[in-house]
């Protein structure tokens, strides 16, 4: 059964180096199975307790955080620049992030969504194509356009998910 077990990260790197030092490729038989920690399946109660301790962050909460951050950045950018073009460009930057992500979320997590890697890939490609198309259309839709406001807002919207996850993790620890 030694051929079917996998090594947790970290331990196989040393075995791989030892195999390379001997001049042959790494094989599963090179693993020291006595060094592996025992693995036991969780009971239903243990799994439910583990899930209860983990914070839940839905894709819809992520989209909401992106939309809120986009709106706040657009308002801030418009106020600081005292320009309607800057405000509209920043708002359009938020749209370039939020709308394609919402479309993908609907496709992947909607009621009639199929849970497959192929479906995820198709929705990801559609999301990227829509984002690209919205960026290409930006000079047509926005006249004049403030590229700095648009791009900075896009980056901040994309990073908002990481910040939201960090905040939620801090809340669950306290």
N, C-alpha and C. Protein backbone atom coordinates (compact mmCIF):
# COMPACT_ATOMS: atom_id res chain seq x y z
N UNK A 1 0.82 -1.18 0.00
CA UNK A 1 0.00 0.00 0.00
C UNK A 1 0.86 1.25 0.00
N UNK A 2 2.18 1.09 0.02
CA UNK A 2 3.05 2.25 0.08
C UNK A 2 2.99 3.07 -1.20
N UNK A 3 2.59 2.53 -2.32
CA UNK A 3 2.52 3.28 -3.57
C UNK A 3 1.34 4.23 -3.64
N UNK A 4 0.32 4.04 -2.79
CA UNK A 4 -0.87 4.87 -2.90
C UNK A 4 -0.91 6.00 -1.88
N UNK A 5 -0.01 6.01 -0.91
CA UNK A 5 -0.03 7.06 0.11
C UNK A 5 0.75 8.27 -0.37
N UNK A 6 0.32 9.43 0.07
CA UNK A 6 1.04 10.65 -0.27
C UNK A 6 1.61 11.26 0.98
N UNK A 7 2.71 11.95 0.83
CA UNK A 7 3.41 12.57 1.93
C UNK A 7 2.90 14.00 2.12
N UNK A 8 2.67 14.44 3.35
CA UNK A 8 2.33 15.84 3.55
C UNK A 8 3.48 16.72 3.09
N UNK A 9 3.16 17.97 2.77
CA UNK A 9 4.18 18.87 2.26
C UNK A 9 5.32 19.00 3.25
N UNK A 10 6.53 19.04 2.73
CA UNK A 10 7.70 19.20 3.56
C UNK A 10 8.50 17.92 3.67
N UNK A 11 7.88 16.79 3.98
CA UNK A 11 8.59 15.55 4.18
C UNK A 11 9.09 14.93 2.90
N UNK A 12 8.34 15.05 1.82
CA UNK A 12 8.75 14.43 0.57
C UNK A 12 9.89 15.17 -0.09
N UNK A 13 10.08 16.43 0.24
CA UNK A 13 11.17 17.20 -0.35
C UNK A 13 12.51 16.60 0.08
N UNK A 14 12.62 16.20 1.34
CA UNK A 14 13.86 15.61 1.83
C UNK A 14 14.09 14.26 1.17
N UNK A 15 13.04 13.45 1.05
CA UNK A 15 13.17 12.16 0.39
C UNK A 15 13.55 12.33 -1.07
N UNK A 16 13.00 13.35 -1.73
CA UNK A 16 13.32 13.61 -3.13
C UNK A 16 14.78 14.00 -3.27
N UNK A 17 15.28 14.81 -2.35
CA UNK A 17 16.69 15.20 -2.39
C UNK A 17 17.59 13.99 -2.18
N UNK A 18 17.20 13.11 -1.27
CA UNK A 18 17.99 11.91 -1.03
C UNK A 18 18.00 11.02 -2.26
N UNK A 19 16.86 10.90 -2.94
CA UNK A 19 16.79 10.09 -4.15
C UNK A 19 17.65 10.70 -5.25
N UNK A 20 17.62 12.03 -5.38
CA UNK A 20 18.45 12.68 -6.39
C UNK A 20 19.92 12.49 -6.09
N UNK A 21 20.28 12.51 -4.79
CA UNK A 21 21.67 12.32 -4.40
C UNK A 21 22.15 10.92 -4.77
N UNK A 22 21.24 9.96 -4.77
CA UNK A 22 21.61 8.59 -5.15
C UNK A 22 21.60 8.42 -6.66
N UNK A 23 21.21 9.45 -7.39
CA UNK A 23 21.25 9.39 -8.84
C UNK A 23 20.05 8.73 -9.49
N UNK A 24 18.93 8.69 -8.81
CA UNK A 24 17.73 8.11 -9.40
C UNK A 24 16.54 8.98 -9.04
N UNK A 25 15.46 8.88 -9.81
CA UNK A 25 14.28 9.71 -9.53
C UNK A 25 13.59 9.29 -8.24
N UNK A 26 12.84 10.22 -7.68
CA UNK A 26 12.09 9.98 -6.45
C UNK A 26 10.92 9.05 -6.74
N UNK A 27 10.69 8.11 -5.84
CA UNK A 27 9.57 7.18 -5.94
C UNK A 27 8.85 7.13 -4.61
N UNK A 28 7.61 6.68 -4.64
CA UNK A 28 6.84 6.57 -3.40
C UNK A 28 7.50 5.63 -2.40
N UNK A 29 8.22 4.65 -2.89
CA UNK A 29 8.85 3.68 -1.99
C UNK A 29 9.97 4.33 -1.18
N UNK A 30 10.41 5.55 -1.57
CA UNK A 30 11.45 6.26 -0.83
C UNK A 30 10.91 6.90 0.45
N UNK A 31 9.59 6.93 0.62
CA UNK A 31 8.99 7.56 1.78
C UNK A 31 9.19 6.70 3.02
N UNK A 32 9.45 7.35 4.12
CA UNK A 32 9.53 6.66 5.40
C UNK A 32 8.14 6.68 6.01
N UNK A 33 7.41 5.58 5.86
CA UNK A 33 6.02 5.56 6.28
C UNK A 33 5.86 5.61 7.80
N UNK A 34 6.90 5.26 8.54
CA UNK A 34 6.82 5.34 9.99
C UNK A 34 6.84 6.80 10.46
N UNK A 35 7.37 7.70 9.63
CA UNK A 35 7.46 9.12 9.99
C UNK A 35 6.15 9.86 9.72
N UNK A 36 5.24 9.23 9.00
CA UNK A 36 3.97 9.88 8.68
C UNK A 36 3.05 9.85 9.90
N UNK A 37 2.34 10.97 10.15
CA UNK A 37 1.39 10.95 11.27
C UNK A 37 0.19 10.08 10.91
N UNK A 38 -0.42 9.46 11.91
CA UNK A 38 -1.59 8.62 11.62
C UNK A 38 -2.76 9.51 11.16
N UNK A 39 -3.52 9.00 10.20
CA UNK A 39 -4.66 9.71 9.67
C UNK A 39 -5.92 8.93 10.00
N UNK A 40 -6.88 9.62 10.60
CA UNK A 40 -8.14 8.95 10.92
C UNK A 40 -9.28 9.83 10.41
N UNK A 41 -10.33 9.21 9.89
CA UNK A 41 -11.46 10.01 9.40
C UNK A 41 -12.20 10.67 10.56
N UNK A 42 -12.81 11.80 10.27
CA UNK A 42 -13.60 12.51 11.27
C UNK A 42 -14.98 11.87 11.39
N UNK A 43 -15.50 11.90 12.61
CA UNK A 43 -16.88 11.48 12.79
C UNK A 43 -17.78 12.63 12.34
N UNK A 44 -19.05 12.36 12.22
CA UNK A 44 -20.00 13.40 11.79
C UNK A 44 -19.98 14.58 12.77
N UNK A 45 -19.95 14.29 14.06
CA UNK A 45 -19.95 15.34 15.07
C UNK A 45 -18.66 16.15 15.01
N UNK A 46 -17.52 15.49 14.82
CA UNK A 46 -16.24 16.20 14.71
C UNK A 46 -16.21 17.10 13.47
N UNK A 47 -16.75 16.62 12.37
CA UNK A 47 -16.80 17.42 11.14
C UNK A 47 -17.70 18.64 11.32
N UNK A 48 -18.85 18.45 11.97
CA UNK A 48 -19.76 19.58 12.20
C UNK A 48 -19.13 20.59 13.16
N UNK A 49 -18.42 20.11 14.18
CA UNK A 49 -17.75 21.02 15.11
C UNK A 49 -16.63 21.80 14.39
N UNK A 50 -15.92 21.14 13.50
CA UNK A 50 -14.87 21.81 12.74
C UNK A 50 -15.46 22.89 11.83
N UNK A 51 -16.54 22.57 11.16
CA UNK A 51 -17.20 23.55 10.30
C UNK A 51 -17.77 24.72 11.10
N UNK A 52 -18.26 24.46 12.31
CA UNK A 52 -18.81 25.53 13.15
C UNK A 52 -17.72 26.50 13.59
N UNK A 53 -16.50 26.00 13.76
CA UNK A 53 -15.38 26.87 14.17
C UNK A 53 -14.83 27.69 13.01
N UNK A 54 -15.07 27.24 11.79
CA UNK A 54 -14.54 27.94 10.62
C UNK A 54 -15.46 29.07 10.22
N UNK A 55 -14.87 30.22 9.87
CA UNK A 55 -15.72 31.33 9.43
C UNK A 55 -16.30 31.04 8.05
N UNK A 56 -17.53 31.47 7.85
CA UNK A 56 -18.15 31.29 6.54
C UNK A 56 -18.10 32.63 5.82
N UNK A 57 -17.63 32.60 4.59
CA UNK A 57 -17.53 33.80 3.76
C UNK A 57 -18.02 33.39 2.40
N UNK A 58 -19.21 33.84 2.05
CA UNK A 58 -19.82 33.41 0.80
C UNK A 58 -19.32 34.26 -0.36
N UNK A 59 -19.55 33.76 -1.54
CA UNK A 59 -19.16 34.49 -2.74
C UNK A 59 -19.97 35.78 -2.85
N UNK A 60 -21.18 35.77 -2.34
CA UNK A 60 -22.02 36.96 -2.40
C UNK A 60 -21.51 38.03 -1.45
N UNK A 61 -20.98 37.63 -0.32
CA UNK A 61 -20.35 38.59 0.59
C UNK A 61 -19.10 39.19 -0.05
N UNK A 62 -18.36 38.37 -0.77
CA UNK A 62 -17.17 38.86 -1.47
C UNK A 62 -17.56 39.89 -2.53
N UNK A 63 -18.62 39.60 -3.27
CA UNK A 63 -19.09 40.55 -4.28
C UNK A 63 -19.59 41.84 -3.64
N UNK A 64 -20.27 41.72 -2.53
CA UNK A 64 -20.76 42.92 -1.83
C UNK A 64 -19.59 43.76 -1.34
N UNK A 65 -18.55 43.10 -0.82
CA UNK A 65 -17.39 43.87 -0.36
C UNK A 65 -16.70 44.56 -1.53
N UNK A 66 -16.62 43.90 -2.67
CA UNK A 66 -16.04 44.54 -3.85
C UNK A 66 -16.86 45.75 -4.28
N UNK A 67 -18.16 45.61 -4.29
CA UNK A 67 -19.02 46.71 -4.71
C UNK A 67 -18.92 47.89 -3.74
N UNK A 68 -18.91 47.62 -2.45
CA UNK A 68 -18.80 48.69 -1.45
C UNK A 68 -17.46 49.40 -1.57
N UNK A 69 -16.40 48.63 -1.69
CA UNK A 69 -15.07 49.23 -1.84
C UNK A 69 -15.02 50.06 -3.12
N UNK A 70 -15.56 49.54 -4.21
CA UNK A 70 -15.57 50.28 -5.47
C UNK A 70 -16.30 51.60 -5.35
N UNK A 71 -17.45 51.59 -4.70
CA UNK A 71 -18.22 52.82 -4.53
C UNK A 71 -17.48 53.81 -3.64
N UNK A 72 -16.89 53.33 -2.54
CA UNK A 72 -16.15 54.22 -1.65
C UNK A 72 -14.92 54.82 -2.34
N UNK A 73 -14.21 54.00 -3.10
CA UNK A 73 -13.03 54.52 -3.82
C UNK A 73 -13.47 55.53 -4.87
N UNK A 74 -14.57 55.25 -5.58
CA UNK A 74 -15.05 56.19 -6.60
C UNK A 74 -15.46 57.52 -5.96
N UNK A 75 -16.16 57.46 -4.84
CA UNK A 75 -16.56 58.69 -4.15
C UNK A 75 -15.33 59.47 -3.67
N UNK A 76 -14.38 58.75 -3.11
CA UNK A 76 -13.16 59.39 -2.62
C UNK A 76 -12.37 60.00 -3.76
N UNK A 77 -12.20 59.24 -4.83
CA UNK A 77 -11.43 59.72 -5.97
C UNK A 77 -12.12 60.94 -6.59
N UNK A 78 -13.42 60.88 -6.73
CA UNK A 78 -14.16 62.01 -7.29
C UNK A 78 -14.06 63.25 -6.41
N UNK A 79 -14.11 63.08 -5.09
CA UNK A 79 -14.02 64.22 -4.17
C UNK A 79 -12.62 64.81 -4.16
N UNK A 80 -11.60 63.96 -4.14
CA UNK A 80 -10.23 64.46 -4.11
C UNK A 80 -9.82 65.11 -5.43
N UNK A 81 -10.26 64.54 -6.52
CA UNK A 81 -9.91 65.09 -7.83
C UNK A 81 -10.85 66.21 -8.23
N UNK A 82 -11.96 66.34 -7.54
CA UNK A 82 -12.98 67.34 -7.86
C UNK A 82 -13.34 67.27 -9.34
N UNK A 83 -13.52 66.02 -9.80
CA UNK A 83 -13.78 65.82 -11.22
C UNK A 83 -14.83 64.72 -11.39
N UNK A 84 -15.80 65.03 -12.22
CA UNK A 84 -16.81 64.02 -12.52
C UNK A 84 -16.21 62.90 -13.36
N UNK A 85 -15.26 63.22 -14.23
CA UNK A 85 -14.62 62.20 -15.06
C UNK A 85 -13.86 61.20 -14.19
N UNK A 86 -13.21 61.68 -13.13
CA UNK A 86 -12.49 60.78 -12.23
C UNK A 86 -13.47 59.89 -11.48
N UNK A 87 -14.57 60.47 -11.02
CA UNK A 87 -15.58 59.69 -10.31
C UNK A 87 -16.16 58.60 -11.22
N UNK A 88 -16.56 58.98 -12.43
CA UNK A 88 -17.16 58.02 -13.35
C UNK A 88 -16.15 56.96 -13.79
N UNK A 89 -14.91 57.34 -13.97
CA UNK A 89 -13.88 56.37 -14.36
C UNK A 89 -13.65 55.36 -13.23
N UNK A 90 -13.59 55.86 -12.00
CA UNK A 90 -13.41 54.96 -10.86
C UNK A 90 -14.61 54.04 -10.70
N UNK A 91 -15.80 54.58 -10.88
CA UNK A 91 -17.01 53.76 -10.79
C UNK A 91 -17.01 52.69 -11.89
N UNK A 92 -16.58 53.07 -13.08
CA UNK A 92 -16.50 52.11 -14.18
C UNK A 92 -15.46 51.02 -13.86
N UNK A 93 -14.37 51.39 -13.19
CA UNK A 93 -13.38 50.40 -12.76
C UNK A 93 -13.97 49.37 -11.82
N UNK A 94 -14.86 49.81 -10.93
CA UNK A 94 -15.54 48.88 -10.04
C UNK A 94 -16.48 47.97 -10.83
N UNK A 95 -17.15 48.53 -11.82
CA UNK A 95 -18.05 47.73 -12.66
C UNK A 95 -17.28 46.66 -13.42
N UNK A 96 -16.07 47.01 -13.89
CA UNK A 96 -15.24 46.05 -14.65
C UNK A 96 -14.89 44.84 -13.78
N UNK A 97 -14.81 45.03 -12.48
CA UNK A 97 -14.50 43.92 -11.57
C UNK A 97 -15.76 43.21 -11.10
N UNK A 98 -16.74 43.96 -10.64
CA UNK A 98 -17.90 43.38 -9.95
C UNK A 98 -18.85 42.66 -10.91
N UNK A 99 -19.16 43.25 -12.04
CA UNK A 99 -20.15 42.64 -12.94
C UNK A 99 -19.67 41.28 -13.49
N UNK A 100 -18.44 41.17 -14.01
CA UNK A 100 -18.01 39.83 -14.45
C UNK A 100 -17.93 38.81 -13.31
N UNK A 101 -17.52 39.27 -12.12
CA UNK A 101 -17.47 38.35 -10.98
C UNK A 101 -18.88 37.89 -10.59
N UNK A 102 -19.84 38.78 -10.67
CA UNK A 102 -21.23 38.41 -10.36
C UNK A 102 -21.76 37.41 -11.38
N UNK A 103 -21.43 37.63 -12.65
CA UNK A 103 -21.84 36.70 -13.69
C UNK A 103 -21.24 35.31 -13.44
N UNK A 104 -19.96 35.28 -13.11
CA UNK A 104 -19.31 34.00 -12.84
C UNK A 104 -19.91 33.33 -11.60
N UNK A 105 -20.15 34.11 -10.55
CA UNK A 105 -20.72 33.55 -9.33
C UNK A 105 -22.09 32.96 -9.61
N UNK A 106 -22.87 33.65 -10.40
CA UNK A 106 -24.21 33.14 -10.76
C UNK A 106 -24.10 31.84 -11.54
N UNK A 107 -23.14 31.80 -12.46
CA UNK A 107 -22.97 30.60 -13.26
C UNK A 107 -22.43 29.41 -12.48
N UNK A 108 -21.52 29.68 -11.56
CA UNK A 108 -20.88 28.59 -10.81
C UNK A 108 -21.71 28.16 -9.61
N UNK A 109 -22.34 29.13 -8.92
CA UNK A 109 -23.05 28.82 -7.68
C UNK A 109 -24.55 28.95 -7.78
N UNK A 110 -25.08 29.24 -8.95
CA UNK A 110 -26.53 29.39 -9.11
C UNK A 110 -27.27 28.08 -8.93
N UNK A 111 -28.59 28.14 -8.97
CA UNK A 111 -29.42 26.95 -8.75
C UNK A 111 -29.17 25.86 -9.79
N UNK A 112 -28.99 26.25 -11.04
CA UNK A 112 -28.86 25.26 -12.10
C UNK A 112 -27.41 25.02 -12.49
N UNK A 113 -26.49 25.42 -11.62
CA UNK A 113 -25.07 25.29 -11.92
C UNK A 113 -24.61 23.85 -11.78
N UNK A 114 -23.78 23.44 -12.69
CA UNK A 114 -23.14 22.13 -12.58
C UNK A 114 -21.83 22.29 -11.85
N UNK A 115 -21.54 21.42 -10.94
CA UNK A 115 -20.32 21.51 -10.15
C UNK A 115 -19.22 20.70 -10.83
N UNK A 116 -18.60 21.30 -11.85
CA UNK A 116 -17.53 20.59 -12.53
C UNK A 116 -16.38 21.56 -12.81
N UNK A 117 -15.21 21.01 -12.98
CA UNK A 117 -14.04 21.81 -13.30
C UNK A 117 -14.22 22.45 -14.68
N UNK A 118 -14.81 21.73 -15.60
CA UNK A 118 -15.04 22.27 -16.93
C UNK A 118 -15.97 23.47 -16.90
N UNK A 119 -17.02 23.39 -16.10
CA UNK A 119 -17.94 24.52 -15.96
C UNK A 119 -17.26 25.72 -15.33
N UNK A 120 -16.43 25.46 -14.33
CA UNK A 120 -15.67 26.54 -13.70
C UNK A 120 -14.75 27.21 -14.71
N UNK A 121 -14.10 26.43 -15.54
CA UNK A 121 -13.20 26.95 -16.56
C UNK A 121 -13.96 27.80 -17.57
N UNK A 122 -15.11 27.34 -18.01
CA UNK A 122 -15.92 28.09 -18.98
C UNK A 122 -16.34 29.43 -18.38
N UNK A 123 -16.81 29.43 -17.13
CA UNK A 123 -17.23 30.68 -16.50
C UNK A 123 -16.05 31.61 -16.26
N UNK A 124 -14.90 31.07 -15.94
CA UNK A 124 -13.71 31.90 -15.76
C UNK A 124 -13.30 32.56 -17.08
N UNK A 125 -13.36 31.81 -18.17
CA UNK A 125 -13.04 32.37 -19.49
C UNK A 125 -14.04 33.46 -19.86
N UNK A 126 -15.33 33.20 -19.62
CA UNK A 126 -16.34 34.22 -19.89
C UNK A 126 -16.11 35.48 -19.05
N UNK A 127 -15.74 35.29 -17.79
CA UNK A 127 -15.48 36.42 -16.91
C UNK A 127 -14.31 37.25 -17.44
N UNK A 128 -13.23 36.60 -17.82
CA UNK A 128 -12.07 37.31 -18.35
C UNK A 128 -12.39 38.02 -19.66
N UNK A 129 -13.16 37.37 -20.52
CA UNK A 129 -13.54 38.01 -21.79
C UNK A 129 -14.42 39.23 -21.54
N UNK A 130 -15.36 39.13 -20.61
CA UNK A 130 -16.22 40.27 -20.31
C UNK A 130 -15.41 41.41 -19.69
N UNK A 131 -14.50 41.09 -18.80
CA UNK A 131 -13.64 42.13 -18.21
C UNK A 131 -12.81 42.82 -19.29
N UNK A 132 -12.24 42.02 -20.17
CA UNK A 132 -11.46 42.59 -21.28
C UNK A 132 -12.31 43.46 -22.18
N UNK A 133 -13.50 43.00 -22.50
CA UNK A 133 -14.39 43.77 -23.36
C UNK A 133 -14.79 45.09 -22.70
N UNK A 134 -15.06 45.05 -21.40
CA UNK A 134 -15.41 46.29 -20.69
C UNK A 134 -14.23 47.26 -20.68
N UNK A 135 -13.02 46.75 -20.54
CA UNK A 135 -11.85 47.62 -20.59
C UNK A 135 -11.64 48.22 -21.98
N UNK A 136 -11.87 47.41 -23.01
CA UNK A 136 -11.73 47.91 -24.38
C UNK A 136 -12.79 48.97 -24.66
N UNK A 137 -13.97 48.81 -24.12
CA UNK A 137 -15.05 49.77 -24.34
C UNK A 137 -14.95 51.01 -23.46
N UNK A 138 -14.06 51.02 -22.49
CA UNK A 138 -13.95 52.15 -21.57
C UNK A 138 -13.76 53.48 -22.28
N UNK A 139 -12.88 53.61 -23.27
CA UNK A 139 -12.73 54.92 -23.93
C UNK A 139 -13.97 55.34 -24.72
N UNK A 140 -14.77 54.37 -25.13
CA UNK A 140 -16.00 54.69 -25.87
C UNK A 140 -17.09 55.15 -24.91
N UNK A 141 -17.19 54.46 -23.77
CA UNK A 141 -18.23 54.76 -22.80
C UNK A 141 -17.92 56.03 -22.01
N UNK A 142 -16.67 56.18 -21.63
CA UNK A 142 -16.26 57.32 -20.80
C UNK A 142 -15.50 58.34 -21.64
N UNK A 143 -16.03 59.53 -21.70
CA UNK A 143 -15.31 60.63 -22.38
C UNK A 143 -15.43 61.86 -21.52
N UNK A 144 -14.42 62.39 -20.98
CA UNK A 144 -13.04 61.93 -20.95
C UNK A 144 -12.87 60.79 -19.94
N UNK A 145 -11.75 60.11 -20.05
CA UNK A 145 -11.49 58.97 -19.17
C UNK A 145 -10.26 59.26 -18.31
N UNK A 146 -10.33 58.85 -17.06
CA UNK A 146 -9.20 58.96 -16.14
C UNK A 146 -8.71 57.55 -15.86
N UNK A 147 -7.68 57.13 -16.61
CA UNK A 147 -7.19 55.75 -16.52
C UNK A 147 -6.66 55.42 -15.13
N UNK A 148 -6.02 56.38 -14.49
CA UNK A 148 -5.49 56.12 -13.15
C UNK A 148 -6.62 55.77 -12.19
N UNK A 149 -7.69 56.54 -12.21
CA UNK A 149 -8.82 56.28 -11.33
C UNK A 149 -9.44 54.91 -11.63
N UNK A 150 -9.59 54.60 -12.90
CA UNK A 150 -10.18 53.33 -13.30
C UNK A 150 -9.33 52.15 -12.82
N UNK A 151 -8.03 52.20 -13.09
CA UNK A 151 -7.17 51.07 -12.77
C UNK A 151 -6.93 50.92 -11.27
N UNK A 152 -6.77 52.04 -10.57
CA UNK A 152 -6.58 51.95 -9.11
C UNK A 152 -7.83 51.36 -8.46
N UNK A 153 -8.99 51.77 -8.90
CA UNK A 153 -10.23 51.23 -8.35
C UNK A 153 -10.35 49.73 -8.64
N UNK A 154 -9.97 49.32 -9.84
CA UNK A 154 -10.01 47.89 -10.16
C UNK A 154 -9.12 47.09 -9.21
N UNK A 155 -7.90 47.56 -9.00
CA UNK A 155 -6.97 46.85 -8.11
C UNK A 155 -7.51 46.79 -6.69
N UNK A 156 -8.02 47.90 -6.20
CA UNK A 156 -8.55 47.92 -4.83
C UNK A 156 -9.77 47.02 -4.68
N UNK A 157 -10.61 46.97 -5.70
CA UNK A 157 -11.76 46.06 -5.65
C UNK A 157 -11.30 44.61 -5.62
N UNK A 158 -10.30 44.29 -6.41
CA UNK A 158 -9.80 42.92 -6.43
C UNK A 158 -9.16 42.55 -5.09
N UNK A 159 -8.49 43.48 -4.47
CA UNK A 159 -7.82 43.22 -3.19
C UNK A 159 -8.79 43.24 -2.00
N UNK A 160 -9.98 43.75 -2.20
CA UNK A 160 -10.93 43.87 -1.10
C UNK A 160 -11.32 42.51 -0.53
N UNK A 161 -11.29 41.48 -1.35
CA UNK A 161 -11.66 40.15 -0.85
C UNK A 161 -10.65 39.69 0.20
N UNK A 162 -9.37 39.91 -0.07
CA UNK A 162 -8.34 39.52 0.89
C UNK A 162 -8.50 40.29 2.20
N UNK A 163 -8.80 41.57 2.11
CA UNK A 163 -9.00 42.38 3.32
C UNK A 163 -10.24 41.90 4.07
N UNK A 164 -11.31 41.61 3.36
CA UNK A 164 -12.53 41.12 4.01
C UNK A 164 -12.28 39.78 4.71
N UNK A 165 -11.53 38.90 4.07
CA UNK A 165 -11.20 37.62 4.70
C UNK A 165 -10.34 37.82 5.94
N UNK A 166 -9.39 38.75 5.86
CA UNK A 166 -8.53 39.04 7.01
C UNK A 166 -9.36 39.57 8.18
N UNK A 167 -10.28 40.49 7.89
CA UNK A 167 -11.13 41.06 8.95
C UNK A 167 -12.00 39.97 9.57
N UNK A 168 -12.57 39.11 8.73
CA UNK A 168 -13.42 38.05 9.27
C UNK A 168 -12.60 37.07 10.10
N UNK A 169 -11.39 36.78 9.69
CA UNK A 169 -10.53 35.87 10.46
C UNK A 169 -10.22 36.47 11.82
N UNK A 170 -9.96 37.77 11.87
CA UNK A 170 -9.68 38.43 13.13
C UNK A 170 -10.91 38.39 14.04
N UNK A 171 -12.09 38.55 13.47
CA UNK A 171 -13.32 38.52 14.27
C UNK A 171 -13.54 37.14 14.89
N UNK A 172 -13.26 36.09 14.15
CA UNK A 172 -13.50 34.74 14.66
C UNK A 172 -12.48 34.35 15.73
N UNK A 173 -11.31 34.95 15.69
CA UNK A 173 -10.31 34.65 16.71
C UNK A 173 -10.67 35.29 18.05
N UNK A 174 -11.33 36.42 18.00
CA UNK A 174 -11.66 37.15 19.25
C UNK A 174 -12.93 36.67 19.86
